[in-house]
Amino acid sequence: SVRTELRNLYPLMEDPDPEIRVRTAYLLAWFPEEGARTIPHLMACLDREQHTQARATALVAAGLVGDPPLLPRLRPYLSVPEPLVRWAAATALARLLTTGSSPDAGGEELVARVIEELTQA
């Protein structure tokens, strides 16, 4: 039932209340089969999001429902000042790195950076 109504939840990613955005991103993460439709809304949220918890939740959700082509888009979040957002980016990237083929030479550097961030967290 929830899956059939996801399209009605996408506008909540723009709600002025950050708690609504957090809870909506969390809910969207439970439906990877809707990832192709969900990812644009999560990415749009990340582009404008200033609330730390909402950014982190959107990142983890993107990692859970997205595919490896998102790797370059999420990688910059490993360098933000907020530890929670860096952890979320590392978690999302770790999931995406395990869904494709083995990493290339540049991917090995990314794997090391993800492990470093997760270890620090």
PDB file of N, CA and C in Angstrom:
ATOM      1  N   SER A   1       0.819  -1.203   0.000  1.00  0.00           N
ATOM      2  CA  SER A   1       0.000   0.000   0.000  1.00  0.00           C
ATOM      3  C   SER A   1       0.861   1.264   0.000  1.00  0.00           C
ATOM      4  N   VAL A   2       1.900   1.255   0.833  1.00  0.00           N
ATOM      5  CA  VAL A   2       2.763   2.437   0.905  1.00  0.00           C
ATOM      6  C   VAL A   2       3.468   2.641  -0.425  1.00  0.00           C
ATOM      7  N   ARG A   3       3.963   1.562  -1.001  1.00  0.00           N
ATOM      8  CA  ARG A   3       4.701   1.673  -2.265  1.00  0.00           C
ATOM      9  C   ARG A   3       3.857   2.338  -3.348  1.00  0.00           C
ATOM     10  N   THR A   4       2.591   2.001  -3.418  1.00  0.00           N
ATOM     11  CA  THR A   4       1.742   2.577  -4.455  1.00  0.00           C
ATOM     12  C   THR A   4       1.518   4.070  -4.253  1.00  0.00           C
ATOM     13  N   GLU A   5       1.744   4.560  -3.048  1.00  0.00           N
ATOM     14  CA  GLU A   5       1.520   5.976  -2.741  1.00  0.00           C
ATOM     15  C   GLU A   5       2.806   6.798  -2.655  1.00  0.00           C
ATOM     16  N   LEU A   6       3.955   6.189  -2.956  1.00  0.00           N
ATOM     17  CA  LEU A   6       5.227   6.915  -2.829  1.00  0.00           C
ATOM     18  C   LEU A   6       5.240   8.217  -3.611  1.00  0.00           C
ATOM     19  N   ARG A   7       4.659   8.220  -4.786  1.00  0.00           N
ATOM     20  CA  ARG A   7       4.674   9.435  -5.609  1.00  0.00           C
ATOM     21  C   ARG A   7       4.036  10.617  -4.880  1.00  0.00           C
ATOM     22  N   ASN A   8       3.115  10.329  -3.970  1.00  0.00           N
ATOM     23  CA  ASN A   8       2.484  11.398  -3.196  1.00  0.00           C
ATOM     24  C   ASN A   8       3.369  11.888  -2.057  1.00  0.00           C
ATOM     25  N   LEU A   9       4.417  11.135  -1.756  1.00  0.00           N
ATOM     26  CA  LEU A   9       5.337  11.525  -0.680  1.00  0.00           C
ATOM     27  C   LEU A   9       6.492  12.394  -1.185  1.00  0.00           C
ATOM     28  N   TYR A  10       6.806  12.308  -2.468  1.00  0.00           N
ATOM     29  CA  TYR A  10       7.948  13.049  -3.002  1.00  0.00           C
ATOM     30  C   TYR A  10       7.901  14.542  -2.677  1.00  0.00           C
ATOM     31  N   PRO A  11       6.748  15.203  -2.764  1.00  0.00           N
ATOM     32  CA  PRO A  11       6.727  16.634  -2.424  1.00  0.00           C
ATOM     33  C   PRO A  11       7.130  16.926  -0.974  1.00  0.00           C
ATOM     34  N   LEU A  12       7.015  15.928  -0.099  1.00  0.00           N
ATOM     35  CA  LEU A  12       7.408  16.142   1.298  1.00  0.00           C
ATOM     36  C   LEU A  12       8.916  16.331   1.453  1.00  0.00           C
ATOM     37  N   MET A  13       9.681  15.969   0.434  1.00  0.00           N
ATOM     38  CA  MET A  13      11.124  16.209   0.485  1.00  0.00           C
ATOM     39  C   MET A  13      11.436  17.706   0.410  1.00  0.00           C
ATOM     40  N   GLU A  14      10.416  18.527   0.129  1.00  0.00           N
ATOM     41  CA  GLU A  14      10.572  19.981   0.088  1.00  0.00           C
ATOM     42  C   GLU A  14       9.828  20.665   1.234  1.00  0.00           C
ATOM     43  N   ASP A  15       9.311  19.881   2.169  1.00  0.00           N
ATOM     44  CA  ASP A  15       8.564  20.447   3.288  1.00  0.00           C
ATOM     45  C   ASP A  15       9.472  21.372   4.110  1.00  0.00           C
ATOM     46  N   PRO A  16       8.936  22.477   4.629  1.00  0.00           N
ATOM     47  CA  PRO A  16       9.767  23.375   5.428  1.00  0.00           C
ATOM     48  C   PRO A  16      10.255  22.754   6.744  1.00  0.00           C
ATOM     49  N   ASP A  17       9.571  21.749   7.230  1.00  0.00           N
ATOM     50  CA  ASP A  17       9.957  21.103   8.491  1.00  0.00           C
ATOM     51  C   ASP A  17      11.018  20.034   8.211  1.00  0.00           C
ATOM     52  N   PRO A  18      12.234  20.188   8.752  1.00  0.00           N
ATOM     53  CA  PRO A  18      13.285  19.210   8.467  1.00  0.00           C
ATOM     54  C   PRO A  18      12.930  17.806   8.969  1.00  0.00           C
ATOM     55  N   GLU A  19      12.162  17.708  10.035  1.00  0.00           N
ATOM     56  CA  GLU A  19      11.782  16.384  10.538  1.00  0.00           C
ATOM     57  C   GLU A  19      10.920  15.635   9.513  1.00  0.00           C
ATOM     58  N   ILE A  20      10.079  16.357   8.800  1.00  0.00           N
ATOM     59  CA  ILE A  20       9.274  15.738   7.738  1.00  0.00           C
ATOM     60  C   ILE A  20      10.190  15.235   6.632  1.00  0.00           C
ATOM     61  N   ARG A  21      11.201  16.036   6.270  1.00  0.00           N
ATOM     62  CA  ARG A  21      12.147  15.608   5.225  1.00  0.00           C
ATOM     63  C   ARG A  21      12.938  14.378   5.672  1.00  0.00           C
ATOM     64  N   VAL A  22      13.354  14.352   6.937  1.00  0.00           N
ATOM     65  CA  VAL A  22      14.085  13.201   7.470  1.00  0.00           C
ATOM     66  C   VAL A  22      13.224  11.949   7.388  1.00  0.00           C
ATOM     67  N   ARG A  23      12.015  12.033   7.883  1.00  0.00           N
ATOM     68  CA  ARG A  23      11.131  10.858   7.912  1.00  0.00           C
ATOM     69  C   ARG A  23      10.743  10.406   6.507  1.00  0.00           C
ATOM     70  N   THR A  24      10.578  11.342   5.602  1.00  0.00           N
ATOM     71  CA  THR A  24      10.235  10.972   4.228  1.00  0.00           C
ATOM     72  C   THR A  24      11.407  10.259   3.558  1.00  0.00           C
ATOM     73  N   ALA A  25      12.617  10.784   3.707  1.00  0.00           N
ATOM     74  CA  ALA A  25      13.794  10.120   3.130  1.00  0.00           C
ATOM     75  C   ALA A  25      13.957   8.725   3.719  1.00  0.00           C
ATOM     76  N   TYR A  26      13.742   8.597   5.009  1.00  0.00           N
ATOM     77  CA  TYR A  26      13.833   7.293   5.665  1.00  0.00           C
ATOM     78  C   TYR A  26      12.835   6.314   5.040  1.00  0.00           C
ATOM     79  N   LEU A  27      11.619   6.760   4.848  1.00  0.00           N
ATOM     80  CA  LEU A  27      10.585   5.912   4.264  1.00  0.00           C
ATOM     81  C   LEU A  27      10.933   5.521   2.821  1.00  0.00           C
ATOM     82  N   LEU A  28      11.434   6.468   2.049  1.00  0.00           N
ATOM     83  CA  LEU A  28      11.786   6.183   0.656  1.00  0.00           C
ATOM     84  C   LEU A  28      12.883   5.122   0.556  1.00  0.00           C
ATOM     85  N   ALA A  29      13.734   5.051   1.553  1.00  0.00           N
ATOM     86  CA  ALA A  29      14.844   4.092   1.543  1.00  0.00           C
ATOM     87  C   ALA A  29      14.369   2.648   1.595  1.00  0.00           C
ATOM     88  N   TRP A  30      13.152   2.415   2.015  1.00  0.00           N
ATOM     89  CA  TRP A  30      12.627   1.060   2.147  1.00  0.00           C
ATOM     90  C   TRP A  30      12.137   0.473   0.822  1.00  0.00           C
ATOM     91  N   PHE A  31      12.200   1.251  -0.258  1.00  0.00           N
ATOM     92  CA  PHE A  31      11.646   0.790  -1.527  1.00  0.00           C
ATOM     93  C   PHE A  31      12.671   0.912  -2.653  1.00  0.00           C
ATOM     94  N   PRO A  32      13.709   0.056  -2.642  1.00  0.00           N
ATOM     95  CA  PRO A  32      14.720   0.136  -3.701  1.00  0.00           C
ATOM     96  C   PRO A  32      14.152  -0.129  -5.087  1.00  0.00           C
ATOM     97  N   GLU A  33      13.070  -0.869  -5.149  1.00  0.00           N
ATOM     98  CA  GLU A  33      12.465  -1.136  -6.460  1.00  0.00           C
ATOM     99  C   GLU A  33      11.888   0.128  -7.091  1.00  0.00           C
ATOM    100  N   GLU A  34      11.754   1.185  -6.311  1.00  0.00           N
ATOM    101  CA  GLU A  34      11.293   2.478  -6.820  1.00  0.00           C
ATOM    102  C   GLU A  34      12.447   3.469  -6.979  1.00  0.00           C
ATOM    103  N   GLY A  35      13.672   2.965  -6.874  1.00  0.00           N
ATOM    104  CA  GLY A  35      14.849   3.820  -6.893  1.00  0.00           C
ATOM    105  C   GLY A  35      14.946   4.762  -8.077  1.00  0.00           C
ATOM    106  N   ALA A  36      14.609   4.287  -9.259  1.00  0.00           N
ATOM    107  CA  ALA A  36      14.714   5.137 -10.454  1.00  0.00           C
ATOM    108  C   ALA A  36      13.838   6.383 -10.328  1.00  0.00           C
ATOM    109  N   ARG A  37      12.700   6.253  -9.668  1.00  0.00           N
ATOM    110  CA  ARG A  37      11.818   7.407  -9.484  1.00  0.00           C
ATOM    111  C   ARG A  37      12.187   8.216  -8.235  1.00  0.00           C
ATOM    112  N   THR A  38      12.769   7.552  -7.263  1.00  0.00           N
ATOM    113  CA  THR A  38      13.079   8.187  -5.987  1.00  0.00           C
ATOM    114  C   THR A  38      14.369   9.006  -6.020  1.00  0.00           C
ATOM    115  N   ILE A  39      15.377   8.497  -6.696  1.00  0.00           N
ATOM    116  CA  ILE A  39      16.693   9.150  -6.711  1.00  0.00           C
ATOM    117  C   ILE A  39      16.626  10.621  -7.116  1.00  0.00           C
ATOM    118  N   PRO A  40      15.907  11.011  -8.149  1.00  0.00           N
ATOM    119  CA  PRO A  40      15.887  12.447  -8.487  1.00  0.00           C
ATOM    120  C   PRO A  40      15.384  13.329  -7.330  1.00  0.00           C
ATOM    121  N   HIS A  41      14.452  12.830  -6.561  1.00  0.00           N
ATOM    122  CA  HIS A  41      13.916  13.607  -5.436  1.00  0.00           C
ATOM    123  C   HIS A  41      14.932  13.671  -4.293  1.00  0.00           C
ATOM    124  N   LEU A  42      15.618  12.574  -4.051  1.00  0.00           N
ATOM    125  CA  LEU A  42      16.654  12.581  -3.012  1.00  0.00           C
ATOM    126  C   LEU A  42      17.816  13.489  -3.408  1.00  0.00           C
ATOM    127  N   MET A  43      18.210  13.454  -4.673  1.00  0.00           N
ATOM    128  CA  MET A  43      19.314  14.301  -5.131  1.00  0.00           C
ATOM    129  C   MET A  43      18.930  15.775  -5.092  1.00  0.00           C
ATOM    130  N   ALA A  44      17.702  16.085  -5.456  1.00  0.00           N
ATOM    131  CA  ALA A  44      17.240  17.478  -5.379  1.00  0.00           C
ATOM    132  C   ALA A  44      17.246  17.952  -3.935  1.00  0.00           C
ATOM    133  N   CYS A  45      16.850  17.086  -3.037  1.00  0.00           N
ATOM    134  CA  CYS A  45      16.883  17.429  -1.612  1.00  0.00           C
ATOM    135  C   CYS A  45      18.323  17.702  -1.179  1.00  0.00           C
ATOM    136  N   LEU A  46      19.244  16.830  -1.554  1.00  0.00           N
ATOM    137  CA  LEU A  46      20.651  17.028  -1.177  1.00  0.00           C
ATOM    138  C   LEU A  46      21.210  18.334  -1.716  1.00  0.00           C
ATOM    139  N   ASP A  47      20.793  18.723  -2.905  1.00  0.00           N
ATOM    140  CA  ASP A  47      21.293  19.959  -3.509  1.00  0.00           C
ATOM    141  C   ASP A  47      20.950  21.198  -2.683  1.00  0.00           C
ATOM    142  N   ARG A  48      19.835  21.165  -1.998  1.00  0.00           N
ATOM    143  CA  ARG A  48      19.405  22.359  -1.263  1.00  0.00           C
ATOM    144  C   ARG A  48      19.434  22.187   0.256  1.00  0.00           C
ATOM    145  N   GLU A  49      19.635  20.972   0.733  1.00  0.00           N
ATOM    146  CA  GLU A  49      19.474  20.681   2.160  1.00  0.00           C
ATOM    147  C   GLU A  49      20.581  21.284   3.014  1.00  0.00           C
ATOM    148  N   GLN A  50      20.181  21.935   4.106  1.00  0.00           N
ATOM    149  CA  GLN A  50      21.130  22.503   5.066  1.00  0.00           C
ATOM    150  C   GLN A  50      21.056  21.804   6.424  1.00  0.00           C
ATOM    151  N   HIS A  51      19.972  21.111   6.682  1.00  0.00           N
ATOM    152  CA  HIS A  51      19.773  20.428   7.956  1.00  0.00           C
ATOM    153  C   HIS A  51      20.604  19.139   7.969  1.00  0.00           C
ATOM    154  N   THR A  52      21.471  18.995   8.958  1.00  0.00           N
ATOM    155  CA  THR A  52      22.426  17.886   8.995  1.00  0.00           C
ATOM    156  C   THR A  52      21.751  16.527   8.971  1.00  0.00           C
ATOM    157  N   GLN A  53      20.762  16.317   9.808  1.00  0.00           N
ATOM    158  CA  GLN A  53      20.117  15.012   9.864  1.00  0.00           C
ATOM    159  C   GLN A  53      19.371  14.703   8.560  1.00  0.00           C
ATOM    160  N   ALA A  54      18.748  15.705   7.981  1.00  0.00           N
ATOM    161  CA  ALA A  54      18.040  15.487   6.709  1.00  0.00           C
ATOM    162  C   ALA A  54      19.035  15.153   5.595  1.00  0.00           C
ATOM    163  N   ARG A  55      20.173  15.840   5.572  1.00  0.00           N
ATOM    164  CA  ARG A  55      21.203  15.524   4.571  1.00  0.00           C
ATOM    165  C   ARG A  55      21.692  14.092   4.745  1.00  0.00           C
ATOM    166  N   ALA A  56      21.967  13.731   5.984  1.00  0.00           N
ATOM    167  CA  ALA A  56      22.481  12.386   6.263  1.00  0.00           C
ATOM    168  C   ALA A  56      21.463  11.318   5.872  1.00  0.00           C
ATOM    169  N   THR A  57      20.213  11.529   6.207  1.00  0.00           N
ATOM    170  CA  THR A  57      19.185  10.538   5.890  1.00  0.00           C
ATOM    171  C   THR A  57      18.987  10.418   4.383  1.00  0.00           C
ATOM    172  N   ALA A  58      19.001  11.539   3.685  1.00  0.00           N
ATOM    173  CA  ALA A  58      18.869  11.499   2.223  1.00  0.00           C
ATOM    174  C   ALA A  58      20.056  10.768   1.589  1.00  0.00           C
ATOM    175  N   LEU A  59      21.244  10.952   2.132  1.00  0.00           N
ATOM    176  CA  LEU A  59      22.425  10.254   1.607  1.00  0.00           C
ATOM    177  C   LEU A  59      22.302   8.746   1.784  1.00  0.00           C
ATOM    178  N   VAL A  60      21.957   8.312   2.992  1.00  0.00           N
ATOM    179  CA  VAL A  60      21.825   6.877   3.234  1.00  0.00           C
ATOM    180  C   VAL A  60      20.723   6.306   2.340  1.00  0.00           C
ATOM    181  N   ALA A  61      19.607   7.015   2.240  1.00  0.00           N
ATOM    182  CA  ALA A  61      18.511   6.553   1.380  1.00  0.00           C
ATOM    183  C   ALA A  61      18.977   6.418  -0.063  1.00  0.00           C
ATOM    184  N   ALA A  62      19.731   7.392  -0.551  1.00  0.00           N
ATOM    185  CA  ALA A  62      20.238   7.331  -1.922  1.00  0.00           C
ATOM    186  C   ALA A  62      21.143   6.116  -2.104  1.00  0.00           C
ATOM    187  N   GLY A  63      21.960   5.839  -1.117  1.00  0.00           N
ATOM    188  CA  GLY A  63      22.823   4.664  -1.192  1.00  0.00           C
ATOM    189  C   GLY A  63      22.049   3.364  -1.213  1.00  0.00           C
ATOM    190  N   LEU A  64      20.931   3.327  -0.514  1.00  0.00           N
ATOM    191  CA  LEU A  64      20.128   2.110  -0.451  1.00  0.00           C
ATOM    192  C   LEU A  64      19.290   1.868  -1.695  1.00  0.00           C
ATOM    193  N   VAL A  65      18.833   2.929  -2.339  1.00  0.00           N
ATOM    194  CA  VAL A  65      17.954   2.745  -3.496  1.00  0.00           C
ATOM    195  C   VAL A  65      18.640   3.035  -4.823  1.00  0.00           C
ATOM    196  N   GLY A  66      19.859   3.567  -4.775  1.00  0.00           N
ATOM    197  CA  GLY A  66      20.556   3.966  -5.993  1.00  0.00           C
ATOM    198  C   GLY A  66      21.438   2.880  -6.571  1.00  0.00           C
ATOM    199  N   ASP A  67      22.167   3.259  -7.595  1.00  0.00           N
ATOM    200  CA  ASP A  67      23.067   2.370  -8.316  1.00  0.00           C
ATOM    201  C   ASP A  67      24.456   3.010  -8.390  1.00  0.00           C
ATOM    202  N   PRO A  68      25.473   2.227  -8.754  1.00  0.00           N
ATOM    203  CA  PRO A  68      26.843   2.744  -8.796  1.00  0.00           C
ATOM    204  C   PRO A  68      27.063   4.047  -9.573  1.00  0.00           C
ATOM    205  N   PRO A  69      26.281   4.384 -10.600  1.00  0.00           N
ATOM    206  CA  PRO A  69      26.513   5.676 -11.249  1.00  0.00           C
ATOM    207  C   PRO A  69      26.389   6.884 -10.301  1.00  0.00           C
ATOM    208  N   LEU A  70      25.805   6.697  -9.129  1.00  0.00           N
ATOM    209  CA  LEU A  70      25.717   7.783  -8.141  1.00  0.00           C
ATOM    210  C   LEU A  70      27.031   8.039  -7.405  1.00  0.00           C
ATOM    211  N   LEU A  71      27.980   7.125  -7.515  1.00  0.00           N
ATOM    212  CA  LEU A  71      29.233   7.263  -6.756  1.00  0.00           C
ATOM    213  C   LEU A  71      29.869   8.650  -6.879  1.00  0.00           C
ATOM    214  N   PRO A  72      30.076   9.174  -8.090  1.00  0.00           N
ATOM    215  CA  PRO A  72      30.717  10.495  -8.177  1.00  0.00           C
ATOM    216  C   PRO A  72      29.863  11.609  -7.569  1.00  0.00           C
ATOM    217  N   ARG A  73      28.574  11.444  -7.598  1.00  0.00           N
ATOM    218  CA  ARG A  73      27.661  12.464  -7.065  1.00  0.00           C
ATOM    219  C   ARG A  73      27.690  12.505  -5.539  1.00  0.00           C
ATOM    220  N   LEU A  74      27.901  11.342  -4.902  1.00  0.00           N
ATOM    221  CA  LEU A  74      27.877  11.266  -3.443  1.00  0.00           C
ATOM    222  C   LEU A  74      29.266  11.431  -2.816  1.00  0.00           C
ATOM    223  N   ARG A  75      30.294  11.165  -3.582  1.00  0.00           N
ATOM    224  CA  ARG A  75      31.663  11.209  -3.046  1.00  0.00           C
ATOM    225  C   ARG A  75      32.028  12.539  -2.373  1.00  0.00           C
ATOM    226  N   PRO A  76      31.644  13.688  -2.912  1.00  0.00           N
ATOM    227  CA  PRO A  76      32.040  14.946  -2.262  1.00  0.00           C
ATOM    228  C   PRO A  76      31.546  15.093  -0.819  1.00  0.00           C
ATOM    229  N   TYR A  77      30.511  14.367  -0.466  1.00  0.00           N
ATOM    230  CA  TYR A  77      29.990  14.461   0.900  1.00  0.00           C
ATOM    231  C   TYR A  77      30.925  13.826   1.923  1.00  0.00           C
ATOM    232  N   LEU A  78      31.950  13.107   1.468  1.00  0.00           N
ATOM    233  CA  LEU A  78      32.964  12.576   2.385  1.00  0.00           C
ATOM    234  C   LEU A  78      33.852  13.680   2.945  1.00  0.00           C
ATOM    235  N   SER A  79      33.763  14.867   2.376  1.00  0.00           N
ATOM    236  CA  SER A  79      34.654  15.961   2.770  1.00  0.00           C
ATOM    237  C   SER A  79      33.940  17.116   3.456  1.00  0.00           C
ATOM    238  N   VAL A  80      32.684  16.958   3.796  1.00  0.00           N
ATOM    239  CA  VAL A  80      31.958  18.049   4.450  1.00  0.00           C
ATOM    240  C   VAL A  80      32.349  18.128   5.922  1.00  0.00           C
ATOM    241  N   PRO A  81      32.105  19.262   6.564  1.00  0.00           N
ATOM    242  CA  PRO A  81      32.509  19.404   7.966  1.00  0.00           C
ATOM    243  C   PRO A  81      31.713  18.546   8.962  1.00  0.00           C
ATOM    244  N   GLU A  82      30.458  18.234   8.656  1.00  0.00           N
ATOM    245  CA  GLU A  82      29.612  17.532   9.616  1.00  0.00           C
ATOM    246  C   GLU A  82      29.936  16.039   9.656  1.00  0.00           C
ATOM    247  N   PRO A  83      30.359  15.514  10.819  1.00  0.00           N
ATOM    248  CA  PRO A  83      30.682  14.081  10.919  1.00  0.00           C
ATOM    249  C   PRO A  83      29.514  13.167  10.556  1.00  0.00           C
ATOM    250  N   LEU A  84      28.291  13.529  10.928  1.00  0.00           N
ATOM    251  CA  LEU A  84      27.137  12.691  10.613  1.00  0.00           C
ATOM    252  C   LEU A  84      26.935  12.577   9.105  1.00  0.00           C
ATOM    253  N   VAL A  85      27.121  13.664   8.398  1.00  0.00           N
ATOM    254  CA  VAL A  85      26.962  13.650   6.943  1.00  0.00           C
ATOM    255  C   VAL A  85      28.093  12.848   6.299  1.00  0.00           C
ATOM    256  N   ARG A  86      29.312  12.978   6.805  1.00  0.00           N
ATOM    257  CA  ARG A  86      30.421  12.167   6.272  1.00  0.00           C
ATOM    258  C   ARG A  86      30.161  10.678   6.492  1.00  0.00           C
ATOM    259  N   TRP A  87      29.671  10.310   7.685  1.00  0.00           N
ATOM    260  CA  TRP A  87      29.333   8.915   7.962  1.00  0.00           C
ATOM    261  C   TRP A  87      28.258   8.426   6.987  1.00  0.00           C
ATOM    262  N   ALA A  88      27.223   9.240   6.783  1.00  0.00           N
ATOM    263  CA  ALA A  88      26.131   8.865   5.885  1.00  0.00           C
ATOM    264  C   ALA A  88      26.647   8.666   4.460  1.00  0.00           C
ATOM    265  N   ALA A  89      27.517   9.562   4.022  1.00  0.00           N
ATOM    266  CA  ALA A  89      28.095   9.424   2.682  1.00  0.00           C
ATOM    267  C   ALA A  89      28.913   8.143   2.587  1.00  0.00           C
ATOM    268  N   ALA A  90      29.702   7.854   3.607  1.00  0.00           N
ATOM    269  CA  ALA A  90      30.512   6.633   3.605  1.00  0.00           C
ATOM    270  C   ALA A  90      29.623   5.394   3.590  1.00  0.00           C
ATOM    271  N   THR A  91      28.541   5.431   4.335  1.00  0.00           N
ATOM    272  CA  THR A  91      27.607   4.306   4.370  1.00  0.00           C
ATOM    273  C   THR A  91      26.957   4.108   3.006  1.00  0.00           C
ATOM    274  N   ALA A  92      26.506   5.198   2.400  1.00  0.00           N
ATOM    275  CA  ALA A  92      25.886   5.122   1.076  1.00  0.00           C
ATOM    276  C   ALA A  92      26.886   4.621   0.043  1.00  0.00           C
ATOM    277  N   LEU A  93      28.091   5.160   0.073  1.00  0.00           N
ATOM    278  CA  LEU A  93      29.112   4.761  -0.896  1.00  0.00           C
ATOM    279  C   LEU A  93      29.510   3.302  -0.701  1.00  0.00           C
ATOM    280  N   ALA A  94      29.596   2.848   0.544  1.00  0.00           N
ATOM    281  CA  ALA A  94      29.943   1.449   0.805  1.00  0.00           C
ATOM    282  C   ALA A  94      28.920   0.524   0.170  1.00  0.00           C
ATOM    283  N   ARG A  95      27.659   0.869   0.302  1.00  0.00           N
ATOM    284  CA  ARG A  95      26.609   0.045  -0.306  1.00  0.00           C
ATOM    285  C   ARG A  95      26.714   0.066  -1.827  1.00  0.00           C
ATOM    286  N   LEU A  96      26.923   1.237  -2.399  1.00  0.00           N
ATOM    287  CA  LEU A  96      27.009   1.343  -3.861  1.00  0.00           C
ATOM    288  C   LEU A  96      28.249   0.634  -4.399  1.00  0.00           C
ATOM    289  N   LEU A  97      29.336   0.685  -3.652  1.00  0.00           N
ATOM    290  CA  LEU A  97      30.568   0.017  -4.089  1.00  0.00           C
ATOM    291  C   LEU A  97      30.422  -1.502  -4.097  1.00  0.00           C
ATOM    292  N   THR A  98      29.508  -2.021  -3.313  1.00  0.00           N
ATOM    293  CA  THR A  98      29.338  -3.470  -3.250  1.00  0.00           C
ATOM    294  C   THR A  98      28.293  -3.987  -4.231  1.00  0.00           C
ATOM    295  N   THR A  99      27.662  -3.089  -4.983  1.00  0.00           N
ATOM    296  CA  THR A  99      26.614  -3.533  -5.899  1.00  0.00           C
ATOM    297  C   THR A  99      27.101  -3.696  -7.338  1.00  0.00           C
ATOM    298  N   GLY A 100      28.303  -3.248  -7.623  1.00  0.00           N
ATOM    299  CA  GLY A 100      28.812  -3.337  -8.994  1.00  0.00           C
ATOM    300  C   GLY A 100      29.959  -4.305  -9.079  1.00  0.00           C
ATOM    301  N   SER A 101      30.732  -4.160 -10.122  1.00  0.00           N
ATOM    302  CA  SER A 101      31.922  -4.984 -10.278  1.00  0.00           C
ATOM    303  C   SER A 101      32.998  -4.470  -9.323  1.00  0.00           C
ATOM    304  N   SER A 102      34.108  -5.157  -9.277  1.00  0.00           N
ATOM    305  CA  SER A 102      35.177  -4.732  -8.383  1.00  0.00           C
ATOM    306  C   SER A 102      35.683  -3.354  -8.800  1.00  0.00           C
ATOM    307  N   PRO A 103      36.099  -2.553  -7.812  1.00  0.00           N
ATOM    308  CA  PRO A 103      36.529  -1.188  -8.119  1.00  0.00           C
ATOM    309  C   PRO A 103      37.765  -1.142  -9.008  1.00  0.00           C
ATOM    310  N   ASP A 104      37.836  -0.100  -9.839  1.00  0.00           N
ATOM    311  CA  ASP A 104      39.037   0.128 -10.633  1.00  0.00           C
ATOM    312  C   ASP A 104      40.080   0.790  -9.739  1.00  0.00           C
ATOM    313  N   ALA A 105      41.179   1.222 -10.309  1.00  0.00           N
ATOM    314  CA  ALA A 105      42.259   1.815  -9.514  1.00  0.00           C
ATOM    315  C   ALA A 105      41.759   3.023  -8.727  1.00  0.00           C
ATOM    316  N   GLY A 106      40.969   3.900  -9.342  1.00  0.00           N
ATOM    317  CA  GLY A 106      40.417   5.055  -8.636  1.00  0.00           C
ATOM    318  C   GLY A 106      39.419   4.633  -7.577  1.00  0.00           C
ATOM    319  N   GLY A 107      38.740   3.529  -7.836  1.00  0.00           N
ATOM    320  CA  GLY A 107      37.777   3.007  -6.881  1.00  0.00           C
ATOM    321  C   GLY A 107      38.425   2.492  -5.621  1.00  0.00           C
ATOM    322  N   GLU A 108      39.634   1.971  -5.754  1.00  0.00           N
ATOM    323  CA  GLU A 108      40.360   1.487  -4.575  1.00  0.00           C
ATOM    324  C   GLU A 108      40.652   2.629  -3.619  1.00  0.00           C
ATOM    325  N   GLU A 109      40.967   3.788  -4.159  1.00  0.00           N
ATOM    326  CA  GLU A 109      41.189   4.972  -3.326  1.00  0.00           C
ATOM    327  C   GLU A 109      39.897   5.349  -2.601  1.00  0.00           C
ATOM    328  N   LEU A 110      38.793   5.277  -3.307  1.00  0.00           N
ATOM    329  CA  LEU A 110      37.497   5.582  -2.707  1.00  0.00           C
ATOM    330  C   LEU A 110      37.161   4.577  -1.610  1.00  0.00           C
ATOM    331  N   VAL A 111      37.417   3.301  -1.856  1.00  0.00           N
ATOM    332  CA  VAL A 111      37.169   2.282  -0.837  1.00  0.00           C
ATOM    333  C   VAL A 111      37.982   2.592   0.417  1.00  0.00           C
ATOM    334  N   ALA A 112      39.243   2.950   0.243  1.00  0.00           N
ATOM    335  CA  ALA A 112      40.085   3.286   1.392  1.00  0.00           C
ATOM    336  C   ALA A 112      39.531   4.491   2.148  1.00  0.00           C
ATOM    337  N   ARG A 113      39.058   5.485   1.436  1.00  0.00           N
ATOM    338  CA  ARG A 113      38.489   6.690   2.077  1.00  0.00           C
ATOM    339  C   ARG A 113      37.206   6.356   2.825  1.00  0.00           C
ATOM    340  N   VAL A 114      36.360   5.505   2.235  1.00  0.00           N
ATOM    341  CA  VAL A 114      35.111   5.078   2.890  1.00  0.00           C
ATOM    342  C   VAL A 114      35.441   4.322   4.173  1.00  0.00           C
ATOM    343  N   ILE A 115      36.386   3.388   4.093  1.00  0.00           N
ATOM    344  CA  ILE A 115      36.778   2.617   5.283  1.00  0.00           C
ATOM    345  C   ILE A 115      37.321   3.543   6.363  1.00  0.00           C
ATOM    346  N   GLU A 116      38.137   4.502   5.952  1.00  0.00           N
ATOM    347  CA  GLU A 116      38.686   5.479   6.906  1.00  0.00           C
ATOM    348  C   GLU A 116      37.568   6.228   7.616  1.00  0.00           C
ATOM    349  N   GLU A 117      36.608   6.713   6.861  1.00  0.00           N
ATOM    350  CA  GLU A 117      35.511   7.484   7.464  1.00  0.00           C
ATOM    351  C   GLU A 117      34.655   6.627   8.377  1.00  0.00           C
ATOM    352  N   LEU A 118      34.351   5.422   7.960  1.00  0.00           N
ATOM    353  CA  LEU A 118      33.544   4.538   8.797  1.00  0.00           C
ATOM    354  C   LEU A 118      34.293   4.143  10.066  1.00  0.00           C
ATOM    355  N   THR A 119      35.588   3.964   9.962  1.00  0.00           N
ATOM    356  CA  THR A 119      36.397   3.634  11.135  1.00  0.00           C
ATOM    357  C   THR A 119      36.412   4.805  12.118  1.00  0.00           C
ATOM    358  N   GLN A 120      36.555   6.019  11.600  1.00  0.00           N
ATOM    359  CA  GLN A 120      36.551   7.197  12.466  1.00  0.00           C
ATOM    360  C   GLN A 120      35.200   7.394  13.150  1.00  0.00           C
ATOM    361  N   ALA A 121      34.136   7.050  12.437  1.00  0.00           N
ATOM    362  CA  ALA A 121      32.798   7.202  13.007  1.00  0.00           C
ATOM    363  C   ALA A 121      32.602   6.248  14.159  1.00  0.00           C
TER     364      ALA A 121
END
